[in-house]
C-alpha atoms as a PDB file:
ATOM      1  CA  MET A   1      27.875  75.929  37.786  1.00  0.00           C
ATOM      2  CA  TYR A   2      29.272  76.149  41.329  1.00  0.00           C
ATOM      3  CA  THR A   3      32.378  78.267  41.976  1.00  0.00           C
ATOM      4  CA  PHE A   4      34.871  77.117  44.610  1.00  0.00           C
ATOM      5  CA  THR A   5      33.644  79.917  46.910  1.00  0.00           C
ATOM      6  CA  GLY A   6      30.053  78.880  46.274  1.00  0.00           C
ATOM      7  CA  ILE A   7      30.786  75.279  47.219  1.00  0.00           C
ATOM      8  CA  ILE A   8      32.555  76.395  50.432  1.00  0.00           C
ATOM      9  CA  ASN A   9      29.612  78.653  51.347  1.00  0.00           C
ATOM     10  CA  GLN A  10      27.149  75.849  50.667  1.00  0.00           C
ATOM     11  CA  CYS A  11      29.172  73.419  52.806  1.00  0.00           C
ATOM     12  CA  LEU A  12      29.399  75.953  55.631  1.00  0.00           C
ATOM     13  CA  LYS A  13      25.660  76.620  55.442  1.00  0.00           C
ATOM     14  CA  THR A  14      24.921  72.882  55.557  1.00  0.00           C
ATOM     15  CA  SER A  15      27.340  72.386  58.477  1.00  0.00           C
ATOM     16  CA  VAL A  16      25.813  75.266  60.445  1.00  0.00           C
ATOM     17  CA  ARG A  17      22.311  73.981  59.708  1.00  0.00           C
ATOM     18  CA  ASN A  18      23.189  70.434  60.818  1.00  0.00           C
ATOM     19  CA  PHE A  19      24.903  71.737  63.985  1.00  0.00           C
ATOM     20  CA  ALA A  20      21.880  73.888  64.805  1.00  0.00           C
ATOM     21  CA  LEU A  21      19.456  71.009  64.257  1.00  0.00           C
ATOM     22  CA  LYS A  22      21.499  68.573  66.352  1.00  0.00           C
ATOM     23  CA  ASN A  23      22.148  70.886  69.304  1.00  0.00           C
ATOM     24  CA  PHE A  24      19.101  73.110  69.346  1.00  0.00           C
ATOM     25  CA  ALA A  25      16.317  71.251  67.479  1.00  0.00           C
ATOM     26  CA  SER A  26      16.898  67.510  67.807  1.00  0.00           C
ATOM     27  CA  HIS A  27      14.327  67.000  70.593  1.00  0.00           C
ATOM     28  CA  VAL A  28      10.919  68.164  69.387  1.00  0.00           C
ATOM     29  CA  LEU A  29       7.674  67.680  71.302  1.00  0.00           C
ATOM     30  CA  PHE A  30       4.684  67.618  68.942  1.00  0.00           C
ATOM     31  CA  VAL A  31       1.274  68.202  70.478  1.00  0.00           C
ATOM     32  CA  GLY A  32      -0.848  66.759  67.707  1.00  0.00           C
ATOM     33  CA  ASN A  33      -0.520  64.022  65.140  1.00  0.00           C
ATOM     34  CA  ASN A  34       2.602  64.585  63.092  1.00  0.00           C
ATOM     35  CA  MET A  35       1.409  62.057  60.473  1.00  0.00           C
ATOM     36  CA  LEU A  36      -1.921  63.755  59.711  1.00  0.00           C
ATOM     37  CA  THR A  37      -2.937  67.278  58.742  1.00  0.00           C
ATOM     38  CA  GLY A  38      -5.692  69.003  60.683  1.00  0.00           C
ATOM     39  CA  GLN A  39      -6.799  69.234  64.308  1.00  0.00           C
ATOM     40  CA  ASN A  40      -5.747  65.851  65.652  1.00  0.00           C
ATOM     41  CA  ALA A  41      -4.117  67.193  68.834  1.00  0.00           C
ATOM     42  CA  PHE A  42      -6.935  66.716  71.356  1.00  0.00           C
ATOM     43  CA  ALA A  43     -10.661  66.190  71.901  1.00  0.00           C
ATOM     44  CA  PHE A  44     -12.499  67.876  74.759  1.00  0.00           C
ATOM     45  CA  SER A  45     -15.645  66.677  76.498  1.00  0.00           C
ATOM     46  CA  PRO A  46     -18.637  68.872  75.574  1.00  0.00           C
ATOM     47  CA  ASN A  47     -19.216  69.379  79.318  1.00  0.00           C
ATOM     48  CA  ILE A  48     -15.867  71.079  79.972  1.00  0.00           C
ATOM     49  CA  LYS A  49     -15.192  74.800  79.559  1.00  0.00           C
ATOM     50  CA  GLU A  50     -12.730  75.347  76.693  1.00  0.00           C
ATOM     51  CA  VAL A  51     -10.582  77.869  78.632  1.00  0.00           C
ATOM     52  CA  LYS A  52     -10.181  75.453  81.542  1.00  0.00           C
ATOM     53  CA  ALA A  53      -9.395  72.552  79.210  1.00  0.00           C
ATOM     54  CA  ILE A  54      -6.669  74.494  77.407  1.00  0.00           C
ATOM     55  CA  LYS A  55      -5.125  75.603  80.726  1.00  0.00           C
ATOM     56  CA  THR A  56      -5.044  71.925  81.749  1.00  0.00           C
ATOM     57  CA  LEU A  57      -3.408  71.067  78.425  1.00  0.00           C
ATOM     58  CA  HIS A  58      -0.766  73.737  79.110  1.00  0.00           C
ATOM     59  CA  LYS A  59      -0.026  72.234  82.549  1.00  0.00           C
ATOM     60  CA  ALA A  60       0.214  68.750  81.027  1.00  0.00           C
ATOM     61  CA  ILE A  61       2.744  69.929  78.404  1.00  0.00           C
ATOM     62  CA  THR A  62       4.843  71.641  81.101  1.00  0.00           C
ATOM     63  CA  GLN A  63       4.834  68.524  83.300  1.00  0.00           C
ATOM     64  CA  LEU A  64       5.682  66.252  80.370  1.00  0.00           C
ATOM     65  CA  LYS A  65       8.731  68.388  79.546  1.00  0.00           C
ATOM     66  CA  LYS A  66       9.847  68.187  83.188  1.00  0.00           C
ATOM     67  CA  ASP A  67       9.466  64.396  83.154  1.00  0.00           C
ATOM     68  CA  LEU A  68      11.458  64.110  79.928  1.00  0.00           C
ATOM     69  CA  LYS A  69      14.197  66.379  81.290  1.00  0.00           C
ATOM     70  CA  ALA A  70      14.475  64.135  84.381  1.00  0.00           C
ATOM     71  CA  GLN A  71      15.121  61.260  81.946  1.00  0.00           C
ATOM     72  CA  GLY A  72      17.929  63.239  80.299  1.00  0.00           C
ATOM     73  CA  LYS A  73      15.856  64.333  77.310  1.00  0.00           C
ATOM     74  CA  LYS A  74      15.596  68.103  77.229  1.00  0.00           C
ATOM     75  CA  VAL A  75      12.880  69.284  74.839  1.00  0.00           C
ATOM     76  CA  HIS A  76      14.270  71.972  72.528  1.00  0.00           C
ATOM     77  CA  ILE A  77      11.130  72.765  70.537  1.00  0.00           C
ATOM     78  CA  THR A  78       7.454  72.402  71.419  1.00  0.00           C
ATOM     79  CA  SER A  79       4.983  72.553  68.537  1.00  0.00           C
ATOM     80  CA  ILE A  80       1.187  72.489  68.807  1.00  0.00           C
ATOM     81  CA  LYS A  81      -0.467  71.765  65.419  1.00  0.00           C
ATOM     82  CA  ASP A  82      -2.642  71.972  63.107  1.00  0.00           C
ATOM     83  CA  PHE A  83      -5.510  74.442  63.458  1.00  0.00           C
ATOM     84  CA  THR A  84      -7.698  76.691  61.355  1.00  0.00           C
ATOM     85  CA  ALA A  85      -7.657  80.452  61.984  1.00  0.00           C
ATOM     86  CA  LYS A  86     -10.657  80.130  64.330  1.00  0.00           C
ATOM     87  CA  GLU A  87      -9.357  77.048  66.170  1.00  0.00           C
ATOM     88  CA  ILE A  88      -5.981  78.648  66.952  1.00  0.00           C
ATOM     89  CA  GLU A  89      -7.405  81.732  68.735  1.00  0.00           C
ATOM     90  CA  PRO A  90      -8.058  80.196  72.213  1.00  0.00           C
ATOM     91  CA  LEU A  91      -4.642  78.541  72.111  1.00  0.00           C
ATOM     92  CA  GLN A  92      -2.934  81.845  71.272  1.00  0.00           C
ATOM     93  CA  ALA A  93      -4.645  83.407  74.305  1.00  0.00           C
ATOM     94  CA  GLU A  94      -3.184  80.724  76.622  1.00  0.00           C
ATOM     95  CA  PHE A  95       0.248  80.115  75.031  1.00  0.00           C
ATOM     96  CA  LYS A  96       1.215  83.794  74.859  1.00  0.00           C
ATOM     97  CA  ASN A  97       4.972  83.279  74.446  1.00  0.00           C
ATOM     98  CA  ASN A  98       4.568  80.949  71.457  1.00  0.00           C
ATOM     99  CA  TYR A  99       5.168  82.019  67.872  1.00  0.00           C
ATOM    100  CA  THR A 100       2.212  81.448  65.541  1.00  0.00           C
ATOM    101  CA  PHE A 101       3.360  79.899  62.285  1.00  0.00           C
ATOM    102  CA  SER A 102       1.670  78.818  59.092  1.00  0.00           C
ATOM    103  CA  THR A 103       3.084  76.273  56.646  1.00  0.00           C
ATOM    104  CA  GLN A 104       1.723  74.825  53.416  1.00  0.00           C
ATOM    105  CA  PRO A 105      -2.095  74.713  53.384  1.00  0.00           C
ATOM    106  CA  ASN A 106      -4.214  71.647  53.969  1.00  0.00           C
ATOM    107  CA  MET A 107      -5.779  70.598  50.657  1.00  0.00           C
ATOM    108  CA  VAL A 108      -9.404  69.660  51.336  1.00  0.00           C
ATOM    109  CA  PHE A 109     -11.825  68.214  48.796  1.00  0.00           C
ATOM    110  CA  GLU A 110     -15.470  68.963  49.651  1.00  0.00           C
ATOM    111  CA  ILE A 111     -17.853  66.384  48.186  1.00  0.00           C
ATOM    112  CA  ASN A 112     -20.998  67.860  46.658  1.00  0.00           C
ATOM    113  CA  LYS A 113     -24.066  66.470  48.471  1.00  0.00           C
ATOM    114  CA  ASN A 114     -25.720  65.752  45.125  1.00  0.00           C
ATOM    115  CA  TRP A 115     -22.891  63.491  43.953  1.00  0.00           C
ATOM    116  CA  LYS A 116     -23.655  59.797  44.363  1.00  0.00           C
ATOM    117  CA  THR A 117     -21.220  58.295  41.846  1.00  0.00           C
ATOM    118  CA  GLU A 118     -17.857  59.045  40.246  1.00  0.00           C
ATOM    119  CA  GLN A 119     -19.701  59.964  37.049  1.00  0.00           C
ATOM    120  CA  ASN A 120     -21.412  62.847  38.889  1.00  0.00           C
ATOM    121  CA  TYR A 121     -17.947  64.211  39.705  1.00  0.00           C
ATOM    122  CA  ILE A 122     -16.744  63.774  36.107  1.00  0.00           C
ATOM    123  CA  ASP A 123     -19.834  65.569  34.774  1.00  0.00           C
ATOM    124  CA  ALA A 124     -19.096  68.537  37.060  1.00  0.00           C
ATOM    125  CA  LEU A 125     -15.615  69.035  35.556  1.00  0.00           C
ATOM    126  CA  SER A 126     -14.930  71.598  32.850  1.00  0.00           C
ATOM    127  CA  LYS A 127     -13.891  70.229  29.455  1.00  0.00           C
ATOM    128  CA  LYS A 128     -10.175  70.815  30.106  1.00  0.00           C
ATOM    129  CA  TYR A 129     -10.233  68.760  33.291  1.00  0.00           C
ATOM    130  CA  ARG A 130     -12.548  66.091  31.904  1.00  0.00           C
ATOM    131  CA  ASP A 131      -9.925  65.646  29.200  1.00  0.00           C
ATOM    132  CA  GLN A 132      -7.249  65.421  31.925  1.00  0.00           C
ATOM    133  CA  TYR A 133      -9.321  62.732  33.646  1.00  0.00           C
ATOM    134  CA  LYS A 134      -9.774  60.744  30.426  1.00  0.00           C
ATOM    135  CA  ARG A 135      -6.076  61.024  29.562  1.00  0.00           C
ATOM    136  CA  ALA A 136      -5.020  59.817  33.017  1.00  0.00           C
ATOM    137  CA  ARG A 137      -7.416  56.864  32.917  1.00  0.00           C
ATOM    138  CA  LYS A 138      -6.242  55.885  29.442  1.00  0.00           C
ATOM    139  CA  LYS A 139      -2.609  56.062  30.533  1.00  0.00           C
ATOM    140  CA  SER A 140      -3.325  53.673  33.409  1.00  0.00           C
ATOM    141  CA  GLU A 141      -4.484  50.855  31.147  1.00  0.00           C
ATOM    142  CA  GLY A 142      -2.806  47.618  32.212  1.00  0.00           C
ATOM    143  CA  VAL A 143      -2.487  48.731  35.837  1.00  0.00           C
ATOM    144  CA  GLU A 144      -4.556  46.605  38.235  1.00  0.00           C
ATOM    145  CA  LYS A 145      -5.766  48.094  41.504  1.00  0.00           C
ATOM    146  CA  LYS A 146      -6.242  45.743  44.459  1.00  0.00           C
ATOM    147  CA  LYS A 147      -7.626  46.302  47.963  1.00  0.00           C
ATOM    148  CA  MET A 148      -5.038  44.604  50.158  1.00  0.00           C
ATOM    149  CA  SER A 149      -5.794  42.499  53.226  1.00  0.00           C
ATOM    150  CA  LEU A 150      -3.542  42.219  56.276  1.00  0.00           C
ATOM    151  CA  ALA A 151      -2.030  39.048  54.795  1.00  0.00           C
ATOM    152  CA  ASP A 152      -1.391  40.856  51.481  1.00  0.00           C
ATOM    153  CA  ILE A 153       0.282  43.779  53.239  1.00  0.00           C
ATOM    154  CA  ARG A 154       2.546  41.450  55.199  1.00  0.00           C
ATOM    155  CA  LYS A 155       3.422  39.571  52.022  1.00  0.00           C
ATOM    156  CA  TYR A 156       4.471  42.765  50.223  1.00  0.00           C
ATOM    157  CA  GLU A 157       5.770  44.583  53.327  1.00  0.00           C
ATOM    158  CA  ASP A 158       9.305  45.124  52.013  1.00  0.00           C
ATOM    159  CA  VAL A 159       8.160  46.332  48.581  1.00  0.00           C
ATOM    160  CA  ILE A 160       5.571  48.655  50.147  1.00  0.00           C
ATOM    161  CA  TYR A 161       8.221  50.148  52.388  1.00  0.00           C
ATOM    162  CA  GLU A 162      10.680  50.682  49.530  1.00  0.00           C
ATOM    163  CA  LEU A 163       7.980  52.428  47.461  1.00  0.00           C
ATOM    164  CA  TYR A 164       7.063  54.613  50.452  1.00  0.00           C
ATOM    165  CA  PHE A 165      10.695  55.398  51.275  1.00  0.00           C
ATOM    166  CA  HIS A 166      11.435  56.449  47.688  1.00  0.00           C
ATOM    167  CA  VAL A 167       8.763  59.147  47.947  1.00  0.00           C
ATOM    168  CA  ALA A 168       9.549  60.139  51.554  1.00  0.00           C
ATOM    169  CA  LYS A 169      13.307  60.578  51.108  1.00  0.00           C
ATOM    170  CA  ASN A 170      12.720  62.943  48.162  1.00  0.00           C
ATOM    171  CA  ALA A 171      10.337  65.170  50.108  1.00  0.00           C
ATOM    172  CA  PRO A 172      11.667  68.723  50.690  1.00  0.00           C
ATOM    173  CA  PHE A 173      11.332  68.409  54.483  1.00  0.00           C
ATOM    174  CA  ASN A 174      10.891  65.409  56.784  1.00  0.00           C
ATOM    175  CA  THR A 175      10.670  65.098  60.565  1.00  0.00           C
ATOM    176  CA  PHE A 176      10.571  61.280  60.618  1.00  0.00           C
ATOM    177  CA  PHE A 177      10.549  58.051  58.622  1.00  0.00           C
ATOM    178  CA  LEU A 178       8.051  55.252  59.256  1.00  0.00           C
ATOM    179  CA  ALA A 179       8.963  51.852  60.666  1.00  0.00           C
ATOM    180  CA  ARG A 180       9.115  49.031  58.124  1.00  0.00           C
ATOM    181  CA  ASN A 181       6.060  47.281  59.629  1.00  0.00           C
ATOM    182  CA  HIS A 182       4.034  50.482  59.972  1.00  0.00           C
ATOM    183  CA  PHE A 183       1.338  49.628  57.426  1.00  0.00           C
ATOM    184  CA  SER A 184       0.689  46.053  58.591  1.00  0.00           C
ATOM    185  CA  PHE A 185       0.581  47.322  62.180  1.00  0.00           C
ATOM    186  CA  PHE A 186      -2.029  49.951  61.267  1.00  0.00           C
ATOM    187  CA  LYS A 187      -4.113  47.419  59.356  1.00  0.00           C
ATOM    188  CA  GLU A 188      -4.000  44.999  62.276  1.00  0.00           C
ATOM    189  CA  ILE A 189      -5.121  47.657  64.757  1.00  0.00           C
ATOM    190  CA  MET A 190      -7.596  49.663  62.634  1.00  0.00           C
ATOM    191  CA  LYS A 191      -8.975  46.845  60.475  1.00  0.00           C
ATOM    192  CA  ASP A 192     -11.592  48.197  58.001  1.00  0.00           C
ATOM    193  CA  ASP A 193     -10.964  51.816  59.026  1.00  0.00           C
ATOM    194  CA  PHE A 194      -7.527  51.602  57.402  1.00  0.00           C
ATOM    195  CA  LEU A 195      -7.381  50.912  53.673  1.00  0.00           C
ATOM    196  CA  LEU A 196      -4.333  50.091  51.572  1.00  0.00           C
ATOM    197  CA  TYR A 197      -4.695  49.791  47.803  1.00  0.00           C
ATOM    198  CA  GLY A 198      -1.920  48.243  45.749  1.00  0.00           C
ATOM    199  CA  TYR A 199      -1.320  49.045  42.077  1.00  0.00           C
ATOM    200  CA  PHE A 200       0.124  46.192  40.010  1.00  0.00           C
ATOM    201  CA  LEU A 201       1.633  46.084  36.535  1.00  0.00           C
ATOM    202  CA  ASP A 202       2.417  42.652  35.102  1.00  0.00           C
ATOM    203  CA  GLU A 203       1.804  41.240  38.612  1.00  0.00           C
ATOM    204  CA  LYS A 204       4.491  43.527  40.093  1.00  0.00           C
ATOM    205  CA  LEU A 205       3.560  46.003  42.839  1.00  0.00           C
ATOM    206  CA  ILE A 206       4.426  49.450  41.445  1.00  0.00           C
ATOM    207  CA  GLY A 207       2.559  51.720  43.861  1.00  0.00           C
ATOM    208  CA  PHE A 208       0.145  51.973  46.759  1.00  0.00           C
ATOM    209  CA  ASN A 209      -1.945  54.488  48.660  1.00  0.00           C
ATOM    210  CA  THR A 210      -3.598  54.456  52.061  1.00  0.00           C
ATOM    211  CA  LEU A 211      -6.773  55.948  53.519  1.00  0.00           C
ATOM    212  CA  ILE A 212      -8.108  56.360  57.063  1.00  0.00           C
ATOM    213  CA  LYS A 213     -11.836  56.591  57.742  1.00  0.00           C
ATOM    214  CA  ASN A 214     -12.364  59.422  60.236  1.00  0.00           C
ATOM    215  CA  GLY A 215     -16.103  59.724  60.813  1.00  0.00           C
ATOM    216  CA  ALA A 216     -17.613  61.533  57.812  1.00  0.00           C
ATOM    217  CA  VAL A 217     -14.149  62.618  56.668  1.00  0.00           C
ATOM    218  CA  MET A 218     -11.706  60.550  54.643  1.00  0.00           C
ATOM    219  CA  ASP A 219      -8.072  61.179  55.590  1.00  0.00           C
ATOM    220  CA  THR A 220      -5.510  60.374  52.922  1.00  0.00           C
ATOM    221  CA  TYR A 221      -2.370  58.887  54.440  1.00  0.00           C
ATOM    222  CA  PHE A 222       1.014  57.775  53.070  1.00  0.00           C
ATOM    223  CA  LEU A 223       1.628  56.477  49.571  1.00  0.00           C
ATOM    224  CA  GLY A 224       4.482  55.244  47.433  1.00  0.00           C
ATOM    225  CA  TYR A 225       5.291  54.462  43.814  1.00  0.00           C
ATOM    226  CA  ASP A 226       7.940  53.530  41.298  1.00  0.00           C
ATOM    227  CA  GLU A 227       8.937  56.923  39.884  1.00  0.00           C
ATOM    228  CA  SER A 228       9.636  55.754  36.305  1.00  0.00           C
ATOM    229  CA  ILE A 229       6.266  54.005  35.998  1.00  0.00           C
ATOM    230  CA  GLN A 230       4.465  56.789  37.881  1.00  0.00           C
ATOM    231  CA  ARG A 231       5.238  59.253  35.112  1.00  0.00           C
ATOM    232  CA  GLU A 232       4.377  56.894  32.294  1.00  0.00           C
ATOM    233  CA  LYS A 233       1.071  55.724  33.818  1.00  0.00           C
ATOM    234  CA  MET A 234       0.133  59.024  35.555  1.00  0.00           C
ATOM    235  CA  LEU A 235      -0.131  56.862  38.658  1.00  0.00           C
ATOM    236  CA  TYR A 236      -0.318  59.627  41.268  1.00  0.00           C
ATOM    237  CA  LEU A 237      -3.129  61.460  39.464  1.00  0.00           C
ATOM    238  CA  ASN A 238      -5.040  58.187  39.059  1.00  0.00           C
ATOM    239  CA  MET A 239      -4.654  57.534  42.780  1.00  0.00           C
ATOM    240  CA  LEU A 240      -6.259  60.912  43.507  1.00  0.00           C
ATOM    241  CA  TYR A 241      -9.176  60.089  41.191  1.00  0.00           C
ATOM    242  CA  ASP A 242      -9.555  56.673  42.848  1.00  0.00           C
ATOM    243  CA  MET A 243      -9.660  58.265  46.310  1.00  0.00           C
ATOM    244  CA  ILE A 244     -12.342  60.695  45.141  1.00  0.00           C
ATOM    245  CA  ALA A 245     -14.406  57.925  43.532  1.00  0.00           C
ATOM    246  CA  TYR A 246     -14.271  55.718  46.633  1.00  0.00           C
ATOM    247  CA  SER A 247     -15.153  58.572  48.987  1.00  0.00           C
ATOM    248  CA  ILE A 248     -18.143  59.627  46.863  1.00  0.00           C
ATOM    249  CA  ASN A 249     -19.415  56.041  46.560  1.00  0.00           C
ATOM    250  CA  GLN A 250     -19.100  55.510  50.323  1.00  0.00           C
ATOM    251  CA  GLY A 251     -20.934  58.729  51.225  1.00  0.00           C
ATOM    252  CA  PHE A 252     -18.090  60.718  52.831  1.00  0.00           C
ATOM    253  CA  SER A 253     -18.507  64.477  53.146  1.00  0.00           C
ATOM    254  CA  SER A 254     -14.921  65.504  52.417  1.00  0.00           C
ATOM    255  CA  ILE A 255     -11.386  64.259  51.762  1.00  0.00           C
ATOM    256  CA  VAL A 256      -8.332  65.615  53.553  1.00  0.00           C
ATOM    257  CA  PHE A 257      -5.593  65.475  50.919  1.00  0.00           C
ATOM    258  CA  ALA A 258      -3.132  67.170  53.314  1.00  0.00           C
ATOM    259  CA  ARG A 259       0.003  69.006  52.225  1.00  0.00           C
ATOM    260  CA  THR A 260       2.497  68.566  49.359  1.00  0.00           C
ATOM    261  CA  ALA A 261       1.727  68.303  45.618  1.00  0.00           C
ATOM    262  CA  LEU A 262      -0.583  71.293  46.036  1.00  0.00           C
ATOM    263  CA  GLU A 263      -1.126  72.074  42.358  1.00  0.00           C
ATOM    264  CA  ILE A 264      -2.042  68.574  41.212  1.00  0.00           C
ATOM    265  CA  LYS A 265      -4.435  68.190  44.163  1.00  0.00           C
ATOM    266  CA  SER A 266      -5.929  71.534  43.209  1.00  0.00           C
ATOM    267  CA  SER A 267      -6.394  70.263  39.638  1.00  0.00           C
ATOM    268  CA  VAL A 268      -8.751  67.501  40.852  1.00  0.00           C
ATOM    269  CA  GLY A 269     -10.815  69.915  42.957  1.00  0.00           C
ATOM    270  CA  ALA A 270      -9.159  70.228  46.376  1.00  0.00           C
ATOM    271  CA  LYS A 271      -9.105  73.699  47.931  1.00  0.00           C
ATOM    272  CA  PRO A 272      -6.363  75.147  50.183  1.00  0.00           C
ATOM    273  CA  VAL A 273      -7.242  75.708  53.840  1.00  0.00           C
ATOM    274  CA  LYS A 274      -4.700  77.841  55.713  1.00  0.00           C
ATOM    275  CA  MET A 275      -3.478  76.063  58.838  1.00  0.00           C
ATOM    276  CA  TYR A 276      -1.686  77.414  61.891  1.00  0.00           C
ATOM    277  CA  GLY A 277       0.416  76.110  64.725  1.00  0.00           C
ATOM    278  CA  LEU A 278       2.257  77.361  67.781  1.00  0.00           C
ATOM    279  CA  ILE A 279       5.966  76.885  68.383  1.00  0.00           C
ATOM    280  CA  THR A 280       8.326  77.747  71.229  1.00  0.00           C
ATOM    281  CA  HIS A 281      11.982  77.066  71.998  1.00  0.00           C
ATOM    282  CA  SER A 282      13.485  76.291  75.418  1.00  0.00           C
ATOM    283  CA  ASN A 283      16.372  78.713  74.772  1.00  0.00           C
ATOM    284  CA  ALA A 284      15.186  82.275  75.478  1.00  0.00           C
ATOM    285  CA  LEU A 285      17.479  83.882  72.887  1.00  0.00           C
ATOM    286  CA  ILE A 286      16.446  81.457  70.141  1.00  0.00           C
ATOM    287  CA  ASN A 287      12.802  81.804  71.156  1.00  0.00           C
ATOM    288  CA  HIS A 288      13.079  85.577  70.782  1.00  0.00           C
ATOM    289  CA  ASN A 289      14.232  85.006  67.179  1.00  0.00           C
ATOM    290  CA  ILE A 290      12.050  81.949  66.515  1.00  0.00           C
ATOM    291  CA  ALA A 291      10.321  83.531  63.500  1.00  0.00           C
ATOM    292  CA  ARG A 292      13.645  83.920  61.686  1.00  0.00           C
ATOM    293  CA  PHE A 293      14.771  80.430  62.715  1.00  0.00           C
ATOM    294  CA  PHE A 294      11.482  78.860  61.601  1.00  0.00           C
ATOM    295  CA  ASN A 295      11.499  80.590  58.215  1.00  0.00           C
ATOM    296  CA  TYR A 296      15.040  79.315  57.637  1.00  0.00           C
ATOM    297  CA  LEU A 297      13.957  75.691  58.112  1.00  0.00           C
ATOM    298  CA  GLU A 298      10.594  75.842  56.353  1.00  0.00           C
ATOM    299  CA  PRO A 299      10.810  75.196  52.577  1.00  0.00           C
ATOM    300  CA  LYS A 300       8.960  77.664  50.368  1.00  0.00           C
ATOM    301  CA  THR A 301       6.621  76.378  47.662  1.00  0.00           C
ATOM    302  CA  GLU A 302       5.368  78.330  44.672  1.00  0.00           C
ATOM    303  CA  TRP A 303       2.220  76.930  43.082  1.00  0.00           C
ATOM    304  CA  GLN A 304      -0.809  77.958  41.068  1.00  0.00           C
ATOM    305  CA  GLU A 305      -4.323  77.149  42.292  1.00  0.00           C
ATOM    306  CA  ARG A 306      -6.593  75.460  39.747  1.00  0.00           C
ATOM    307  CA  ASN A 307     -10.371  75.313  39.450  1.00  0.00           C
ATOM    308  CA  PRO A 308     -11.403  72.172  37.548  1.00  0.00           C
ATOM    309  CA  PHE A 309     -15.176  72.625  37.845  1.00  0.00           C
ATOM    310  CA  LYS A 310     -17.593  74.261  35.450  1.00  0.00           C
END
C-alpha cells in the first residue's frame, strides 16, 4: 500500500525523470541498429586498417553532430552499440571519453552442425525439457501457423500493429515505437529475406513473429500476440520452437534471439553473450556522472540461466 508521502515521492521521482529525459536525453544519436542486437553499426573493407577506419568513424560522428546542431537539433547522448568484449576494445581506444556500458545479454542459440531436423534438436533435450516441448506443442493444438505474403501483411496490417504494440508498450524500457506500416515496408524491400509468420485461432490472427536472414545467422525481429491466448496456448514458447525448427531445416548456423525474456529463451537452449556499448553526453557535468545516470535509466533484470540439453 502507498502512503501519501510515498505517492508524493513517486510523483516527484517521475517528474524529475521526465524533465531529465526531455531536457538532457531527448536527442539521442545511435551508431548502430537500434532494432537489432549485435554488431550492426558498420562494416569495414578488408583492405582498410581498423585503426584508420575507426578514426574516420569518429570524425563522421563529430561532423554529423555539427550538422544536426546547425539544424537546431543538439545531440544530447551519443551511443555506439552493440559489441562483444573483443569487438569493443579498438573502439574504447579511440573514444576515450566515452563510458563503456553493458545491458542485458544477447541470447544466442548455436545450432549443432549434426542437427538436420527439428527431431535432432528434440532428441538432444533432457527429459524435463522434452516434456516442456511436448506440453507446449499440445497446448498449441488448434492454432494454425501461416507464412504471410506481402498481400497478407497488408491485409492484416492493423491487427499486426495492435499485437506488436501490446507487447512493446509493456516492455520495461523503450526508445521508440514502430510505424504502422513497418512490417509491410520491410517485406516489400527485403522480400524473401524477411519472414513474417501469423498464428491464427478460429481464423483470427492472435500472434505473429518475424525473422531476418543475415547470411548464416538468423536474426529474430519483432513479434506480437494476444496476451490472454498467449498464456493459454503457450504461444511465445511455441514461436521460439518454430524459429529453431525453421533455422535448423534451412541450414543456419545460429539464431540471434536478442534481449528480453532471457529465462524462457535460455530454456530452449539460447546462451547469454555479454554485449557492450559506448555512451557519451554533450554536457560535461552529466558526462562526468554518466555511469550513475545510465544505471538510473537502465532496468535491472533478475533471471536464472537454464540448460535444456542432456
